[in-house]
N, C-alpha and C. Protein backbone atom coordinates (compact mmCIF):
# COMPACT_ATOMS: atom_id res chain seq x y z
N MET A 1 10.60 8.61 11.18
CA MET A 1 9.88 7.62 10.65
C MET A 1 10.17 7.91 9.15
N GLN A 2 10.53 7.79 7.99
CA GLN A 2 10.66 7.51 6.91
C GLN A 2 9.44 6.97 5.92
N TYR A 3 9.53 7.82 5.06
CA TYR A 3 7.88 7.54 4.51
C TYR A 3 8.27 7.46 2.45
N ILE A 4 7.98 7.03 1.87
CA ILE A 4 8.01 7.14 0.56
C ILE A 4 7.64 7.43 -0.55
N GLY A 5 6.95 7.75 -1.21
CA GLY A 5 6.15 8.19 -2.20
C GLY A 5 6.43 7.83 -3.58
N ILE A 6 5.75 7.10 -4.26
CA ILE A 6 6.19 6.61 -6.07
C ILE A 6 4.79 7.18 -6.55
N ASP A 7 5.07 8.15 -7.86
CA ASP A 7 4.46 8.20 -8.75
C ASP A 7 4.88 7.39 -9.41
N LEU A 8 3.78 5.98 -9.81
CA LEU A 8 4.59 5.39 -10.77
C LEU A 8 4.18 5.80 -12.02
N ALA A 9 5.05 5.78 -13.28
CA ALA A 9 4.84 5.95 -14.97
C ALA A 9 4.06 4.31 -14.52
N TRP A 10 2.82 3.95 -15.40
CA TRP A 10 2.58 2.91 -15.86
C TRP A 10 3.56 2.00 -16.82
N SER A 11 3.82 3.18 -17.42
CA SER A 11 4.88 2.57 -19.48
C SER A 11 6.08 3.57 -19.12
N GLN A 12 7.21 2.83 -19.59
CA GLN A 12 8.98 2.95 -19.21
C GLN A 12 9.24 4.55 -20.51
N ASN A 13 7.99 4.68 -21.15
CA ASN A 13 7.82 6.16 -22.03
C ASN A 13 8.20 7.48 -20.78
N ASN A 14 8.12 7.01 -19.51
CA ASN A 14 7.28 8.06 -18.84
C ASN A 14 8.00 8.22 -17.32
N TYR A 15 8.21 9.40 -17.01
CA TYR A 15 9.25 10.09 -15.65
C TYR A 15 7.89 8.96 -14.82
N SER A 16 8.81 8.97 -13.67
CA SER A 16 8.09 8.75 -12.45
C SER A 16 8.57 9.45 -11.07
N GLY A 17 7.70 10.09 -10.52
CA GLY A 17 7.80 11.47 -8.65
C GLY A 17 8.04 10.68 -8.53
N VAL A 18 9.12 10.35 -7.30
CA VAL A 18 9.71 10.20 -6.25
C VAL A 18 9.60 11.25 -4.98
N ALA A 19 9.65 11.09 -3.72
CA ALA A 19 9.44 12.05 -2.80
C ALA A 19 9.88 10.89 -1.55
N LEU A 20 10.79 11.50 -0.92
CA LEU A 20 10.69 10.96 0.67
C LEU A 20 10.60 12.22 1.78
N LEU A 21 9.54 11.50 2.65
CA LEU A 21 9.35 12.51 3.72
C LEU A 21 10.12 11.88 5.27
N GLU A 22 10.72 12.80 6.20
CA GLU A 22 11.00 12.24 6.96
C GLU A 22 10.31 13.05 8.58
N ASN A 23 9.56 11.95 8.90
CA ASN A 23 7.99 12.32 9.37
C ASN A 23 7.44 13.63 8.74
N ASN A 24 7.06 14.54 8.74
CA ASN A 24 6.11 15.47 7.79
C ASN A 24 6.59 16.67 7.15
N LYS A 25 7.97 16.04 6.42
CA LYS A 25 9.04 16.99 5.91
C LYS A 25 9.76 16.19 4.78
N VAL A 26 9.31 17.06 3.62
CA VAL A 26 9.92 16.20 1.84
C VAL A 26 11.19 17.05 2.08
N VAL A 27 12.16 15.73 2.86
CA VAL A 27 13.34 15.54 2.21
C VAL A 27 13.83 15.71 1.13
N TYR A 28 13.28 14.91 -0.11
CA TYR A 28 14.20 14.98 -1.33
C TYR A 28 12.92 14.65 -2.05
N VAL A 29 11.99 15.28 -3.56
CA VAL A 29 11.88 14.80 -4.46
C VAL A 29 12.31 15.06 -5.43
N ASP A 30 12.25 14.25 -6.53
CA ASP A 30 12.39 13.76 -7.53
C ASP A 30 12.09 13.87 -8.68
N ILE A 31 12.22 13.80 -9.94
CA ILE A 31 11.85 12.61 -10.79
C ILE A 31 12.80 11.14 -11.42
N LEU A 32 12.37 9.89 -11.68
CA LEU A 32 13.05 8.86 -12.16
C LEU A 32 12.73 8.07 -12.83
N LYS A 33 13.24 8.04 -13.70
CA LYS A 33 12.93 6.85 -15.34
C LYS A 33 12.79 5.61 -14.98
N THR A 34 13.66 4.65 -14.49
CA THR A 34 13.81 3.34 -15.40
C THR A 34 12.68 3.14 -13.04
N ILE A 35 12.81 1.85 -13.53
CA ILE A 35 12.27 0.78 -12.84
C ILE A 35 13.72 0.59 -11.93
N ASP A 36 14.33 0.65 -12.41
CA ASP A 36 16.18 -0.46 -11.30
C ASP A 36 16.34 0.98 -10.56
N ASP A 37 16.39 2.92 -11.25
CA ASP A 37 17.00 3.80 -11.10
C ASP A 37 15.33 3.41 -9.25
N ILE A 38 14.20 3.33 -9.27
CA ILE A 38 13.12 3.94 -8.49
C ILE A 38 13.41 2.79 -7.58
N SER A 39 13.43 1.31 -7.68
CA SER A 39 13.99 0.90 -7.25
C SER A 39 15.43 1.18 -5.84
N SER A 40 16.43 0.86 -6.57
CA SER A 40 17.60 1.47 -5.96
C SER A 40 17.27 2.56 -4.83
N PHE A 41 16.32 3.45 -5.74
CA PHE A 41 16.18 4.99 -4.93
C PHE A 41 15.64 4.56 -3.23
N ILE A 42 14.59 3.37 -3.69
CA ILE A 42 13.79 2.67 -2.11
C ILE A 42 14.43 1.49 -1.35
N ASN A 43 15.67 1.47 -2.22
CA ASN A 43 16.27 0.27 -1.65
C ASN A 43 17.48 0.82 -0.12
N THR A 44 17.86 2.18 -0.84
CA THR A 44 18.80 3.24 0.13
C THR A 44 18.30 3.65 1.34
N TYR A 45 16.73 2.87 1.56
CA TYR A 45 15.43 3.31 2.94
C TYR A 45 14.90 2.36 3.10
N PRO A 46 15.64 0.89 3.51
CA PRO A 46 15.36 -0.24 4.35
C PRO A 46 14.15 -0.12 5.56
N LYS A 47 13.88 0.72 6.27
CA LYS A 47 13.44 1.09 7.26
C LYS A 47 12.28 1.82 7.10
N ALA A 48 12.48 2.63 5.93
CA ALA A 48 10.83 2.92 4.76
C ALA A 48 9.92 2.92 5.15
N LYS A 49 8.30 3.56 5.26
CA LYS A 49 7.07 2.65 4.37
C LYS A 49 6.83 3.07 3.07
N VAL A 50 6.19 2.61 1.97
CA VAL A 50 6.58 3.19 0.77
C VAL A 50 5.47 2.73 0.32
N GLY A 51 4.18 4.06 -0.26
CA GLY A 51 2.88 4.37 -0.86
C GLY A 51 3.22 4.69 -2.27
N VAL A 52 2.38 3.76 -3.14
CA VAL A 52 2.91 3.53 -4.77
C VAL A 52 2.10 4.37 -5.18
N ASP A 53 1.01 5.11 -5.54
CA ASP A 53 0.04 5.35 -6.92
C ASP A 53 0.60 4.32 -8.24
N ALA A 54 -0.30 2.88 -7.56
CA ALA A 54 0.30 2.45 -9.24
C ALA A 54 -0.80 0.90 -8.98
N PRO A 55 -1.14 0.53 -9.23
CA PRO A 55 -1.01 -1.54 -8.89
C PRO A 55 -0.08 -1.69 -8.91
N LEU A 56 0.13 -3.35 -7.59
CA LEU A 56 1.29 -3.86 -7.32
C LEU A 56 0.92 -4.99 -7.04
N VAL A 57 -0.11 -5.45 -7.16
CA VAL A 57 -0.94 -7.11 -7.47
C VAL A 57 -2.30 -7.10 -8.03
N VAL A 58 -2.18 -7.52 -9.17
CA VAL A 58 -3.55 -7.64 -10.39
C VAL A 58 -2.97 -9.06 -10.62
N PRO A 59 -4.05 -9.65 -9.72
CA PRO A 59 -4.06 -11.33 -9.88
C PRO A 59 -5.59 -11.92 -11.19
N ASN A 60 -6.15 -10.93 -11.76
CA ASN A 60 -7.27 -11.02 -13.18
C ASN A 60 -6.75 -10.37 -14.43
N LYS A 61 -6.58 -11.68 -14.86
CA LYS A 61 -6.56 -11.07 -16.64
C LYS A 61 -7.43 -10.11 -16.72
N ASN A 62 -8.98 -9.78 -16.69
CA ASN A 62 -9.84 -9.12 -17.16
C ASN A 62 -10.84 -8.29 -16.09
N GLY A 63 -11.82 -7.64 -16.24
CA GLY A 63 -12.43 -7.19 -14.95
C GLY A 63 -12.16 -5.95 -13.79
N THR A 64 -11.89 -6.13 -13.31
CA THR A 64 -12.08 -4.70 -11.60
C THR A 64 -11.50 -6.29 -10.65
N ARG A 65 -10.74 -6.03 -10.25
CA ARG A 65 -9.76 -6.49 -8.71
C ARG A 65 -10.86 -5.59 -7.75
N ALA A 66 -10.64 -7.46 -6.99
CA ALA A 66 -12.08 -6.84 -5.31
C ALA A 66 -11.42 -5.90 -4.86
N ILE A 67 -10.69 -5.37 -4.28
CA ILE A 67 -10.47 -3.75 -3.96
C ILE A 67 -10.65 -2.88 -5.25
N GLU A 68 -10.88 -2.53 -5.99
CA GLU A 68 -11.57 -1.20 -6.27
C GLU A 68 -12.80 -1.31 -5.93
N LYS A 69 -13.75 -3.19 -6.74
CA LYS A 69 -15.09 -2.27 -6.15
C LYS A 69 -15.22 -2.06 -4.34
N GLU A 70 -13.97 -3.03 -3.78
CA GLU A 70 -14.82 -2.35 -2.38
C GLU A 70 -14.29 -0.53 -2.42
N PHE A 71 -13.28 -0.67 -2.96
CA PHE A 71 -12.77 1.09 -2.67
C PHE A 71 -14.59 1.44 -3.31
N LEU A 72 -14.90 1.11 -4.60
CA LEU A 72 -16.04 2.41 -5.05
C LEU A 72 -17.29 2.63 -4.19
N LYS A 73 -17.19 1.00 -3.24
CA LYS A 73 -18.76 1.11 -2.91
C LYS A 73 -19.00 2.40 -1.77
N ASP A 74 -17.22 2.27 -1.07
CA ASP A 74 -17.28 3.98 -0.69
C ASP A 74 -17.19 5.23 -0.54
N PHE A 75 -16.87 5.34 -2.13
CA PHE A 75 -16.36 7.08 -2.76
C PHE A 75 -17.01 6.84 -4.01
N SER A 76 -17.20 6.08 -4.70
CA SER A 76 -18.17 6.45 -6.15
C SER A 76 -19.97 7.76 -5.68
N SER A 77 -20.06 8.16 -4.38
CA SER A 77 -21.29 8.56 -4.38
C SER A 77 -20.87 9.68 -4.11
N LYS A 78 -19.48 10.08 -3.69
CA LYS A 78 -18.28 11.16 -3.96
C LYS A 78 -17.62 11.93 -5.33
N LYS A 79 -18.38 10.92 -5.69
CA LYS A 79 -17.44 10.70 -7.87
C LYS A 79 -16.20 11.33 -7.65
N LEU A 80 -15.77 10.04 -7.37
CA LEU A 80 -14.44 9.64 -6.87
C LEU A 80 -14.25 8.45 -7.74
N GLY A 81 -13.78 8.25 -9.01
CA GLY A 81 -13.34 6.74 -8.98
C GLY A 81 -12.32 6.75 -9.60
N ILE A 82 -12.42 4.98 -10.54
CA ILE A 82 -11.13 4.65 -10.28
C ILE A 82 -11.19 4.30 -11.44
N TYR A 83 -9.69 3.49 -12.39
CA TYR A 83 -9.68 2.97 -13.51
C TYR A 83 -10.11 1.32 -13.78
N PRO A 84 -9.72 0.62 -13.99
CA PRO A 84 -10.49 -0.47 -14.32
C PRO A 84 -8.94 -1.40 -13.84
N VAL A 85 -8.44 -2.13 -13.34
CA VAL A 85 -7.45 -2.44 -13.20
C VAL A 85 -6.77 -4.45 -13.79
N ASN A 86 -6.23 -4.94 -14.58
CA ASN A 86 -7.02 -6.39 -14.75
C ASN A 86 -5.10 -6.37 -15.68
N ARG A 87 -4.86 -7.79 -16.33
CA ARG A 87 -3.39 -7.63 -16.77
C ARG A 87 -3.83 -7.57 -17.91
N THR A 88 -5.12 -7.93 -18.70
CA THR A 88 -5.00 -8.13 -20.17
C THR A 88 -4.92 -6.04 -20.54
N LEU A 89 -5.22 -5.34 -19.49
CA LEU A 89 -5.51 -3.53 -20.31
C LEU A 89 -3.86 -3.15 -19.58
N LEU A 90 -3.31 -3.59 -18.74
CA LEU A 90 -1.55 -2.80 -18.38
C LEU A 90 -0.70 -4.09 -18.80
N GLU A 91 -0.90 -4.68 -19.70
CA GLU A 91 0.12 -5.34 -19.56
C GLU A 91 0.03 -5.32 -21.41
N LYS A 92 -0.34 -3.86 -22.27
CA LYS A 92 -0.51 -3.44 -23.60
C LYS A 92 0.34 -2.44 -23.58
N ILE A 93 0.85 -1.90 -22.02
CA ILE A 93 1.38 -0.31 -22.15
C ILE A 93 2.78 -0.86 -22.09
N ASN A 94 3.30 -2.09 -21.16
CA ASN A 94 4.58 -2.00 -21.13
C ASN A 94 4.42 -3.99 -21.90
N GLY A 95 4.16 -4.57 -21.75
CA GLY A 95 4.42 -5.96 -22.19
C GLY A 95 4.48 -6.64 -20.72
N SER A 96 4.58 -5.28 -19.41
CA SER A 96 4.35 -6.35 -18.20
C SER A 96 4.16 -4.46 -16.92
N ILE A 97 3.82 -5.58 -15.79
CA ILE A 97 3.04 -4.43 -15.17
C ILE A 97 4.17 -3.69 -13.75
N ALA A 98 4.30 -2.12 -14.43
CA ALA A 98 5.34 -1.41 -13.52
C ALA A 98 4.79 -1.44 -12.49
N GLY A 99 3.97 -1.49 -11.30
CA GLY A 99 3.96 -1.82 -9.70
C GLY A 99 4.27 -3.59 -9.84
N GLU A 100 4.12 -4.60 -10.89
CA GLU A 100 4.04 -5.91 -10.07
C GLU A 100 6.32 -5.95 -10.10
N ASP A 101 6.47 -4.66 -11.02
CA ASP A 101 8.51 -5.23 -12.20
C ASP A 101 8.59 -4.58 -10.33
N LEU A 102 8.79 -3.25 -10.42
CA LEU A 102 8.64 -2.53 -8.93
C LEU A 102 9.31 -3.68 -8.14
N ARG A 103 7.93 -3.91 -7.23
CA ARG A 103 7.49 -5.06 -6.09
C ARG A 103 8.70 -6.21 -6.59
N SER A 104 8.96 -6.63 -7.39
CA SER A 104 9.41 -7.64 -7.33
C SER A 104 11.37 -6.87 -7.70
N LYS A 105 11.20 -6.02 -7.64
CA LYS A 105 12.95 -5.53 -7.97
C LYS A 105 12.92 -5.50 -6.78
N ILE A 106 12.11 -4.91 -5.30
CA ILE A 106 12.03 -4.22 -4.28
C ILE A 106 12.66 -5.70 -3.10
N TYR A 107 11.79 -6.62 -3.60
CA TYR A 107 11.97 -7.69 -2.76
C TYR A 107 13.15 -8.81 -3.09
N GLN A 108 13.65 -8.53 -4.40
CA GLN A 108 14.28 -8.75 -4.40
C GLN A 108 16.04 -8.99 -3.30
N LYS A 109 15.76 -7.94 -2.89
CA LYS A 109 17.39 -7.21 -1.90
C LYS A 109 16.54 -7.35 -0.83
N LEU A 110 14.71 -7.28 0.02
CA LEU A 110 15.03 -6.79 1.29
C LEU A 110 12.85 -7.23 1.37
N GLY A 111 13.08 -7.09 1.69
CA GLY A 111 11.22 -6.98 2.35
C GLY A 111 10.76 -5.28 2.98
N VAL A 112 10.32 -4.81 2.48
CA VAL A 112 9.81 -3.59 3.04
C VAL A 112 8.19 -3.31 2.86
N SER A 113 8.05 -2.37 4.15
CA SER A 113 6.16 -2.21 4.28
C SER A 113 5.77 -1.34 2.78
N LEU A 114 5.50 -2.12 2.25
CA LEU A 114 5.10 -1.35 0.61
C LEU A 114 3.50 -1.80 0.65
N PHE A 115 2.41 -0.84 0.38
CA PHE A 115 1.43 0.15 0.06
C PHE A 115 1.14 0.53 -1.75
N GLU A 116 -0.17 0.18 -1.70
CA GLU A 116 -0.84 0.70 -2.96
C GLU A 116 -0.94 2.07 -2.64
N VAL A 117 -1.42 3.38 -2.99
CA VAL A 117 -1.94 4.63 -2.24
C VAL A 117 -2.82 5.04 -4.07
N TYR A 118 -3.86 5.92 -2.80
CA TYR A 118 -4.48 6.80 -4.10
C TYR A 118 -4.74 7.83 -4.10
N PRO A 119 -3.74 8.99 -4.62
CA PRO A 119 -3.71 10.78 -4.53
C PRO A 119 -4.82 11.12 -3.95
N HIS A 120 -5.84 10.91 -5.10
CA HIS A 120 -7.25 11.79 -5.64
C HIS A 120 -7.45 11.08 -4.28
N VAL A 121 -7.77 10.75 -3.47
CA VAL A 121 -8.30 10.24 -2.01
C VAL A 121 -8.17 10.99 -1.31
N THR A 122 -6.55 11.07 -0.75
CA THR A 122 -6.10 11.77 0.07
C THR A 122 -6.05 13.26 0.52
N ILE A 123 -6.05 14.05 -1.50
CA ILE A 123 -6.47 15.14 -1.50
C ILE A 123 -7.94 15.95 -0.55
N MET A 124 -9.00 14.58 -1.34
CA MET A 124 -10.55 14.98 -1.02
C MET A 124 -10.52 14.63 0.93
N GLN A 125 -9.79 13.94 1.18
CA GLN A 125 -10.01 13.30 2.18
C GLN A 125 -9.12 15.10 3.66
N CYS A 126 -8.16 14.30 3.13
CA CYS A 126 -7.77 15.34 4.36
C CYS A 126 -7.19 16.92 4.33
N PHE A 127 -8.02 17.43 2.61
CA PHE A 127 -7.73 18.88 2.05
C PHE A 127 -8.88 19.54 1.26
N HIS A 128 -9.13 19.19 0.37
CA HIS A 128 -10.13 19.54 -0.71
C HIS A 128 -11.56 18.33 -0.08
N GLY A 129 -12.36 18.01 0.54
CA GLY A 129 -13.41 17.63 0.87
C GLY A 129 -14.10 17.46 -0.87
N LEU A 130 -13.76 16.91 -1.86
CA LEU A 130 -14.22 17.39 -2.95
C LEU A 130 -13.21 17.11 -4.09
N VAL A 131 -13.40 16.21 -5.07
CA VAL A 131 -12.37 15.62 -6.11
C VAL A 131 -11.01 17.18 -6.83
N LEU A 132 -10.42 16.77 -6.66
CA LEU A 132 -9.49 17.76 -7.58
C LEU A 132 -9.84 17.61 -9.12
N PRO A 133 -9.46 18.94 -9.51
CA PRO A 133 -9.40 17.94 -11.20
C PRO A 133 -8.40 18.17 -11.41
N TYR A 134 -7.15 17.86 -11.22
CA TYR A 134 -5.59 18.65 -11.15
C TYR A 134 -4.95 18.13 -12.10
N LYS A 135 -5.61 16.87 -12.82
CA LYS A 135 -5.28 16.48 -13.72
C LYS A 135 -5.55 16.13 -15.10
N ARG A 136 -5.23 16.15 -16.25
CA ARG A 136 -5.17 16.24 -17.96
C ARG A 136 -6.26 15.39 -18.39
N LYS A 137 -7.94 16.33 -18.58
CA LYS A 137 -8.16 15.90 -19.21
C LYS A 137 -9.19 16.43 -20.44
N LYS A 138 -10.13 16.31 -20.96
CA LYS A 138 -10.84 16.39 -22.60
C LYS A 138 -11.47 17.75 -21.69
N GLY A 139 -11.45 18.99 -22.00
CA GLY A 139 -11.87 20.21 -21.36
C GLY A 139 -11.23 21.05 -20.45
N ARG A 140 -10.18 20.56 -19.94
CA ARG A 140 -9.46 21.35 -19.63
C ARG A 140 -8.01 22.26 -19.79
N ASN A 141 -7.73 22.70 -20.14
CA ASN A 141 -6.62 23.50 -20.56
C ASN A 141 -5.80 23.43 -19.89
N THR A 142 -4.94 24.26 -19.84
CA THR A 142 -3.84 24.50 -19.73
C THR A 142 -3.22 25.31 -18.54
N ALA A 143 -4.62 26.21 -18.34
CA ALA A 143 -4.29 27.43 -17.65
C ALA A 143 -5.04 26.58 -16.22
N PHE A 144 -6.54 26.18 -16.75
CA PHE A 144 -7.46 25.70 -15.85
C PHE A 144 -6.12 23.99 -15.20
N ILE A 145 -5.26 23.86 -15.69
CA ILE A 145 -4.04 22.44 -14.61
C ILE A 145 -3.63 23.52 -13.73
N LYS A 146 -3.31 24.77 -14.76
CA LYS A 146 -1.92 25.08 -13.28
C LYS A 146 -2.52 25.76 -12.01
N GLU A 147 -3.71 26.05 -12.37
CA GLU A 147 -4.17 26.55 -11.14
C GLU A 147 -4.83 25.54 -9.98
N GLN A 148 -5.64 24.26 -10.77
CA GLN A 148 -5.85 23.22 -9.53
C GLN A 148 -4.24 22.47 -8.69
N LEU A 149 -3.20 22.44 -10.38
CA LEU A 149 -2.13 22.51 -9.28
C LEU A 149 -1.46 23.35 -8.42
N ASN A 150 -1.49 24.26 -8.33
CA ASN A 150 -0.90 25.62 -7.18
C ASN A 150 -2.29 24.97 -6.14
N ILE A 151 -3.42 24.77 -6.33
CA ILE A 151 -4.43 25.11 -5.23
C ILE A 151 -3.36 23.71 -4.01
N LEU A 152 -3.53 22.48 -4.80
CA LEU A 152 -2.50 21.42 -4.48
C LEU A 152 -1.74 21.66 -4.16
N GLN A 153 -0.49 22.56 -4.83
CA GLN A 153 0.48 22.46 -3.89
C GLN A 153 0.75 23.61 -2.80
N ASN A 154 -0.27 24.46 -2.40
CA ASN A 154 -0.94 25.32 -1.48
C ASN A 154 -1.60 24.05 -0.11
N TYR A 155 -2.01 23.31 -0.27
CA TYR A 155 -2.71 22.53 0.54
C TYR A 155 -1.42 21.65 1.50
N LEU A 156 0.00 21.57 0.25
CA LEU A 156 0.57 20.77 0.74
C LEU A 156 1.84 21.86 1.78
N LEU A 157 1.61 22.94 1.01
CA LEU A 157 2.96 24.43 1.65
C LEU A 157 2.17 24.40 3.09
N ASN A 158 1.40 23.65 3.34
CA ASN A 158 -0.14 24.35 4.62
C ASN A 158 0.24 23.06 5.76
N ASN A 159 0.44 21.99 5.22
CA ASN A 159 0.03 20.41 5.95
C ASN A 159 1.96 19.96 6.38
N ILE A 160 2.87 20.36 5.19
CA ILE A 160 3.79 19.43 5.18
C ILE A 160 4.50 20.72 5.28
N ASP A 161 6.46 20.39 5.86
CA ASP A 161 7.28 21.11 5.52
C ASP A 161 8.30 20.62 4.59
N GLY A 162 8.97 21.43 4.13
CA GLY A 162 9.84 21.48 3.22
C GLY A 162 10.13 22.60 1.97
N ASP A 163 10.95 22.24 1.11
CA ASP A 163 10.99 23.22 -0.24
C ASP A 163 10.72 22.36 -1.12
N PHE A 164 9.85 22.58 -1.56
CA PHE A 164 9.51 21.42 -2.89
C PHE A 164 8.52 22.55 -3.94
N ALA A 165 8.19 24.32 -3.45
CA ALA A 165 7.48 24.67 -4.12
C ALA A 165 7.63 25.17 -5.03
N VAL A 166 7.05 25.91 -5.96
CA VAL A 166 8.13 26.71 -7.19
C VAL A 166 6.77 27.30 -8.18
N ASP A 167 7.25 28.41 -8.67
CA ASP A 167 5.54 29.00 -9.78
C ASP A 167 5.15 28.08 -10.41
N ILE A 168 4.41 27.76 -9.96
CA ILE A 168 3.30 26.39 -10.59
C ILE A 168 3.15 27.96 -12.83
N SER A 169 3.10 29.36 -12.50
CA SER A 169 2.68 29.94 -13.61
C SER A 169 3.57 30.18 -15.09
N LYS A 170 4.52 29.95 -13.70
CA LYS A 170 5.96 29.69 -15.56
C LYS A 170 6.35 28.25 -15.96
N LEU A 171 6.18 27.01 -15.02
CA LEU A 171 5.80 26.18 -15.73
C LEU A 171 5.31 25.74 -17.74
N LYS A 172 5.97 24.79 -18.21
CA LYS A 172 5.76 24.59 -19.49
C LYS A 172 5.96 22.98 -19.52
N GLY A 173 5.11 22.39 -20.81
CA GLY A 173 5.04 21.24 -21.17
C GLY A 173 5.55 20.07 -19.95
N GLN A 174 6.96 19.99 -21.02
CA GLN A 174 7.14 19.00 -20.12
C GLN A 174 7.39 19.20 -18.37
N SER A 175 8.09 19.76 -17.72
CA SER A 175 8.17 20.48 -17.07
C SER A 175 7.01 20.71 -15.32
N LEU A 176 6.10 20.87 -16.73
CA LEU A 176 4.45 21.33 -15.45
C LEU A 176 4.21 19.83 -15.34
N LYS A 177 4.32 18.91 -16.35
CA LYS A 177 3.96 16.90 -15.95
C LYS A 177 4.84 17.05 -15.02
N HIS A 178 6.56 16.82 -14.94
CA HIS A 178 7.54 16.61 -14.18
C HIS A 178 6.47 17.41 -12.73
N HIS A 179 6.28 18.72 -12.45
CA HIS A 179 6.17 19.17 -11.51
C HIS A 179 4.99 18.36 -10.83
N GLU A 180 3.75 18.09 -11.33
CA GLU A 180 2.17 17.52 -11.47
C GLU A 180 2.88 16.31 -10.77
N ASP A 181 4.22 15.16 -10.97
CA ASP A 181 4.16 14.23 -10.68
C ASP A 181 5.02 13.81 -8.96
N LYS A 182 5.70 15.38 -9.15
CA LYS A 182 6.80 15.34 -6.85
C LYS A 182 5.34 15.87 -6.54
N LEU A 183 4.78 16.44 -7.33
CA LEU A 183 3.07 17.31 -5.81
C LEU A 183 2.73 15.28 -5.68
N ASP A 184 2.11 14.84 -6.92
CA ASP A 184 1.56 13.27 -6.31
C ASP A 184 2.85 12.47 -5.71
N SER A 185 4.01 12.47 -6.07
CA SER A 185 4.85 11.55 -5.06
C SER A 185 4.53 12.25 -3.45
N ILE A 186 4.87 13.17 -3.63
CA ILE A 186 4.33 13.89 -1.79
C ILE A 186 3.34 13.53 -1.49
N VAL A 187 1.75 13.97 -2.26
CA VAL A 187 1.24 13.11 -1.67
C VAL A 187 0.56 11.59 -1.08
N SER A 188 1.54 11.02 -2.24
CA SER A 188 1.98 9.59 -1.76
C SER A 188 1.59 9.59 -0.45
N ALA A 189 3.88 9.85 -0.18
CA ALA A 189 3.93 9.69 1.14
C ALA A 189 3.69 9.92 2.35
N TYR A 190 2.66 11.40 1.72
CA TYR A 190 2.14 12.07 2.77
C TYR A 190 0.91 11.10 3.48
N THR A 191 0.39 9.89 2.76
CA THR A 191 -0.89 8.91 3.02
C THR A 191 -0.38 8.43 3.96
N LEU A 192 0.84 7.61 4.02
CA LEU A 192 1.48 6.60 4.86
C LEU A 192 1.45 7.59 6.25
N TYR A 193 2.47 8.72 5.76
CA TYR A 193 2.39 9.47 7.08
C TYR A 193 1.02 9.46 8.34
N TYR A 194 0.10 9.93 7.39
CA TYR A 194 -0.97 10.29 7.79
C TYR A 194 -1.56 9.54 8.43
N CYS A 195 -2.10 7.69 7.49
CA CYS A 195 -2.52 6.77 8.10
C CYS A 195 -1.54 6.55 9.37
N ASP A 196 -0.23 6.92 9.36
CA ASP A 196 -0.02 6.00 10.86
C ASP A 196 -0.47 7.03 12.09
N LYS A 197 -1.12 8.17 11.90
CA LYS A 197 -0.62 9.15 13.02
C LYS A 197 -2.36 9.31 13.37
N TYR A 198 -3.41 8.54 12.15
CA TYR A 198 -4.65 9.32 12.60
C TYR A 198 -5.10 7.87 12.06
N LYS A 199 -6.41 8.15 11.91
CA LYS A 199 -7.74 7.20 10.99
C LYS A 199 -6.99 6.76 9.57
N CYS A 200 -7.39 5.16 8.82
CA CYS A 200 -7.31 4.79 7.60
C CYS A 200 -7.85 4.08 7.10
N LYS A 201 -8.18 3.74 6.20
CA LYS A 201 -8.90 2.02 6.54
C LYS A 201 -8.13 1.56 5.39
N THR A 202 -7.17 0.18 5.35
CA THR A 202 -6.97 -0.67 5.07
C THR A 202 -7.78 -1.51 3.97
N TYR A 203 -7.79 -1.60 2.49
CA TYR A 203 -8.40 -2.07 1.56
C TYR A 203 -7.49 -3.80 0.33
N GLY A 204 -8.28 -4.60 0.91
CA GLY A 204 -7.13 -6.05 0.92
C GLY A 204 -5.73 -5.54 1.64
N ASP A 205 -5.11 -5.90 0.99
CA ASP A 205 -3.59 -6.14 2.22
C ASP A 205 -2.81 -5.52 1.46
N ILE A 206 -3.25 -3.98 0.96
CA ILE A 206 -2.39 -3.51 -0.06
C ILE A 206 -2.98 -1.63 -0.27
N PHE A 207 -3.86 -1.20 -0.24
CA PHE A 207 -4.37 -0.19 -0.15
C PHE A 207 -4.87 -0.06 0.51
N LYS A 208 -4.27 1.50 0.28
CA LYS A 208 -4.61 2.19 2.30
C LYS A 208 -5.31 4.02 1.38
N VAL A 209 -6.45 4.26 2.99
CA VAL A 209 -6.42 5.78 2.29
C VAL A 209 -7.45 6.24 4.13
N PRO A 210 -6.72 7.87 3.90
CA PRO A 210 -7.29 8.16 4.60
C PRO A 210 -8.92 8.07 5.44
N ILE A 211 -9.06 8.10 6.33
CA ILE A 211 -10.82 8.12 6.62
C ILE A 211 -10.54 10.00 7.45
N LYS A 212 -11.94 10.34 6.67
CA LYS A 212 -11.67 11.51 7.76
C LYS A 212 -12.20 11.48 9.16
N LEU A 213 -11.83 12.45 9.91
CA LEU A 213 -12.23 12.54 10.11
C LEU A 213 -13.75 13.31 11.55
C-alpha cells in the first residue's frame, strides 16, 4: 500500500514537504513549491492514500470548524492545541485556501483517498507521549529546535524504514526548515499507515488521528 504525506505550506511563497511511503518504508521525500507540482506528484500515484497537514474543507467564514471543537474535547487536556480555521483568516494569506486549491486540482483528474492529518498528535500518540516542541516559537532558539528535530528524526528512524536521515546539527536557515517540512510529511504519511494497521479516530469525514493502544 502507498501513503503520501504532504506538509502543505499555507502560503505560495513557502515550500511544502512531500513524502511517499510504501507500507512502512520511505521511498521518496523532498520539498515542492507549487500546488501544481504537488498535485502532479499525487496524481502519479492514484491508488495512494494521501494525508495532508492543512485544512482541506473550510465551510465557515469566521470562528472554528466543528471538527476542531470535537478534536479539542479530546486533546486540550493534554496541552495540544490547534489554530482556528476559517475562511477570513486563511484567505488573508493567499487570497485562497491552499488545502482547498490542492483538493480541487486532485479531483479534476481522479478521486483519491484524501485526509487531513495532524503531525503533532501522531507524534504524541505514537512516539513521545507529550507534545514535542519542535516548531519555531518565541523563546525557542535554533539549538533547541535542532535538539527537538533530532528527537523526532530518531523516533521516525526507529519506526520507519528508508534513507531519510541527515545530520541536523549541520543544517542552517532554510535547509533546517526544509528538513522540518520533510519530517512532517513523513509523519503525515505514517499517520495513514498507522491508521490502516491499528486504531484511529476520524473527525468529520476528513480528519484522522491515531488512538494510543
